[in-house]
Amino acid sequence: DLALPLNSQKNKKLESEKQRKIAQVQKIKKEAQELKERISMVSITIPALTQEEDKLYGSITSQDLANALKDEGFDIDKSIIMMDEPIRSLGIYEIPVRLHTEVSAKIKVWVVKK
């Protein structure tokens, strides 16, 4: 494809396309901000089987958190739940969730004895 000379009609079309993309990006970011506000108020409780010294049999993974969030009405993919490693003991954790490139939230997770 060869480049075509820019005229006022093509320039207007390019400008409107650019504005449309900017509006779309802003809408996605706004939706992520709204989700952040809602998800930040949620506290997830995950009952788990334990052995001595409050260590878990197995571990709690990002998939477990995604499932627990789904039960609370949030359809969150496990890939945006930013866990360095699985949870292996009882306690209270704040787990970051990357909702957008510029928007992150933290969910409070309580891991309790089953």
Protein backbone atom coordinates (compact mmCIF):
# COMPACT_ATOMS: atom_id res chain seq x y z
CA ASP A 1 0.00 0.00 0.00
CA LEU A 2 1.20 3.43 -0.89
CA ALA A 3 0.66 6.41 1.34
CA LEU A 4 -1.99 8.78 0.06
CA PRO A 5 -1.65 12.55 0.34
CA LEU A 6 -3.44 14.04 3.32
CA ASN A 7 -6.35 16.30 2.52
CA SER A 8 -8.88 17.98 4.77
CA GLN A 9 -11.45 15.18 4.42
CA LYS A 10 -8.93 12.46 5.30
CA ASN A 11 -7.59 14.61 8.12
CA LYS A 12 -11.10 14.98 9.59
CA LYS A 13 -11.62 11.22 9.31
CA LEU A 14 -8.29 10.52 11.06
CA GLU A 15 -9.11 13.04 13.79
CA SER A 16 -12.57 11.57 14.43
CA GLU A 17 -11.08 8.06 14.57
CA LYS A 18 -8.48 9.29 17.05
CA GLN A 19 -11.17 10.91 19.23
CA ARG A 20 -13.26 7.73 19.12
CA LYS A 21 -10.29 5.64 20.31
CA ILE A 22 -9.53 8.11 23.11
CA ALA A 23 -13.17 7.99 24.26
CA GLN A 24 -13.12 4.18 24.18
CA VAL A 25 -9.93 4.04 26.28
CA GLN A 26 -11.38 6.54 28.78
CA LYS A 27 -14.59 4.50 29.04
CA ILE A 28 -12.64 1.29 29.78
CA LYS A 29 -10.56 3.10 32.41
CA LYS A 30 -13.69 4.58 34.01
CA GLU A 31 -15.29 1.12 34.19
CA ALA A 32 -12.10 -0.21 35.84
CA GLN A 33 -12.23 2.65 38.38
CA GLU A 34 -15.86 1.82 39.21
CA LEU A 35 -14.99 -1.87 39.59
CA LYS A 36 -12.08 -0.90 41.85
CA GLU A 37 -14.43 0.97 44.18
CA ARG A 38 -16.82 -1.99 44.35
CA ILE A 39 -14.18 -4.69 44.71
CA SER A 40 -12.24 -2.77 47.37
CA MET A 41 -15.25 -3.06 49.70
CA VAL A 42 -15.37 -6.86 49.39
CA SER A 43 -13.83 -9.19 51.92
CA ILE A 44 -13.40 -12.79 50.81
CA THR A 45 -13.39 -15.62 53.35
CA ILE A 46 -11.89 -18.91 52.25
CA PRO A 47 -12.22 -21.88 54.62
CA ALA A 48 -9.31 -24.32 54.33
CA LEU A 49 -8.20 -27.56 55.92
CA THR A 50 -5.17 -27.11 58.16
CA GLN A 51 -2.45 -29.16 59.74
CA GLU A 52 -0.21 -28.22 62.66
CA GLU A 53 0.88 -24.60 63.19
CA ASP A 54 -1.94 -23.25 60.99
CA LYS A 55 -0.33 -24.50 57.79
CA LEU A 56 -2.79 -25.40 55.02
CA TYR A 57 -3.18 -28.75 53.34
CA GLY A 58 -2.41 -27.56 49.84
CA SER A 59 -2.62 -23.85 49.11
CA ILE A 60 -4.91 -21.02 48.00
CA THR A 61 -4.16 -19.93 44.42
CA SER A 62 -5.29 -17.10 42.18
CA GLN A 63 -7.84 -19.52 40.67
CA ASP A 64 -9.33 -20.10 44.15
CA LEU A 65 -9.58 -16.32 44.63
CA ALA A 66 -11.16 -15.88 41.19
CA ASN A 67 -13.75 -18.53 42.09
CA ALA A 68 -14.47 -16.86 45.44
CA LEU A 69 -14.86 -13.48 43.71
CA LYS A 70 -17.23 -15.07 41.19
CA ASP A 71 -19.36 -16.26 44.14
CA GLU A 72 -19.50 -12.60 45.25
CA GLY A 73 -20.67 -11.49 41.79
CA PHE A 74 -17.34 -10.41 40.28
CA ASP A 75 -16.18 -12.02 37.05
CA ILE A 76 -12.42 -11.60 37.52
CA ASP A 77 -9.89 -13.60 35.51
CA LYS A 78 -7.18 -15.31 37.57
CA SER A 79 -4.47 -13.75 35.39
CA ILE A 80 -5.10 -10.25 36.80
CA ILE A 81 -4.89 -11.41 40.43
CA MET A 82 -1.31 -10.52 41.34
CA MET A 83 -0.15 -13.19 43.78
CA ASP A 84 3.59 -13.66 44.17
CA GLU A 85 3.00 -17.16 45.48
CA PRO A 86 0.05 -19.25 46.70
CA ILE A 87 -1.23 -18.73 50.26
CA ARG A 88 -0.10 -21.60 52.48
CA SER A 89 -1.19 -20.55 55.98
CA LEU A 90 -4.16 -19.11 57.84
CA GLY A 91 -4.40 -15.34 58.09
CA ILE A 92 -5.58 -12.11 56.53
CA TYR A 93 -4.07 -11.08 53.21
CA GLU A 94 -4.39 -8.08 50.91
CA ILE A 95 -4.05 -9.27 47.34
CA PRO A 96 -3.62 -6.77 44.48
CA VAL A 97 -5.82 -7.10 41.39
CA ARG A 98 -4.76 -5.36 38.17
CA LEU A 99 -8.03 -4.13 36.63
CA HIS A 100 -6.43 -1.87 33.99
CA THR A 101 -2.91 -0.76 33.12
CA GLU A 102 -3.48 2.31 35.32
CA VAL A 103 -5.98 0.89 37.86
CA SER A 104 -5.28 -1.64 40.61
CA ALA A 105 -7.40 -2.68 43.58
CA LYS A 106 -6.72 -4.72 46.69
CA ILE A 107 -9.00 -7.44 47.94
CA LYS A 108 -8.97 -8.55 51.55
CA VAL A 109 -8.77 -12.32 51.87
CA TRP A 110 -9.41 -14.15 55.15
CA VAL A 111 -8.12 -17.72 55.16
CA VAL A 112 -9.81 -19.53 58.07
CA LYS A 113 -9.98 -23.08 59.44
CA LYS A 114 -12.60 -25.27 57.84
